[in-house]
Amino acid sequence: MRCAWSRRKKIRTTIRDDGHERADDLLQRDFSASGPNERWVADFT
């Protein structure tokens, strides 16, 4: 019988560096909504 948990170390592939400035939003995305269920967003990365 296998255990539901693992002792493996979690691998972090991306580590944020707070010393760098973030890129500007060139697409001028607007995620604000005036009410619930007005806009939906998905990320396929």
Protein backbone atom coordinates (compact mmCIF):
# COMPACT_ATOMS: atom_id res chain seq x y z
CA MET A 1 0.00 0.00 0.00
CA ARG A 2 1.38 3.41 -0.98
CA CYS A 3 1.43 6.45 1.29
CA ALA A 4 -0.61 9.51 0.31
CA TRP A 5 2.28 11.84 1.20
CA SER A 6 5.81 12.09 -0.03
CA ARG A 7 9.11 13.10 1.57
CA ARG A 8 10.47 14.57 -1.65
CA LYS A 9 11.69 18.14 -1.59
CA LYS A 10 9.46 20.54 -3.51
CA ILE A 11 11.25 21.98 -6.55
CA ARG A 12 10.88 25.72 -7.16
CA THR A 13 11.35 26.61 -10.81
CA THR A 14 10.78 30.37 -10.48
CA ILE A 15 12.29 32.54 -7.77
CA ARG A 16 11.22 36.18 -7.71
CA ASP A 17 13.94 38.82 -7.39
CA ASP A 18 12.52 41.90 -5.68
CA GLY A 19 15.54 43.94 -6.80
CA HIS A 20 14.31 44.09 -10.40
CA GLU A 21 11.64 46.41 -11.75
CA ARG A 22 8.54 44.79 -13.22
CA ALA A 23 7.70 45.21 -16.89
CA ASP A 24 5.01 47.69 -17.91
CA ASP A 25 1.57 46.42 -18.97
CA LEU A 26 1.89 47.03 -22.71
CA LEU A 27 -1.51 45.48 -23.48
CA GLN A 28 -3.31 47.84 -21.07
CA ARG A 29 -5.39 44.99 -19.66
CA ASP A 30 -8.37 46.07 -17.57
CA PHE A 31 -9.52 43.39 -15.11
CA SER A 32 -11.92 45.58 -13.14
CA ALA A 33 -15.60 44.64 -13.11
CA SER A 34 -18.60 46.66 -11.97
CA GLY A 35 -20.41 43.54 -10.70
CA PRO A 36 -20.02 39.79 -10.12
CA ASN A 37 -19.67 37.42 -13.09
CA GLU A 38 -19.02 40.29 -15.51
CA ARG A 39 -15.50 39.32 -16.61
CA TRP A 40 -13.72 35.99 -16.61
CA VAL A 41 -9.97 35.50 -16.92
CA ALA A 42 -8.00 32.36 -17.77
CA ASP A 43 -4.27 31.65 -17.88
CA PHE A 44 -2.90 28.95 -20.16
CA THR A 45 0.77 28.76 -19.22
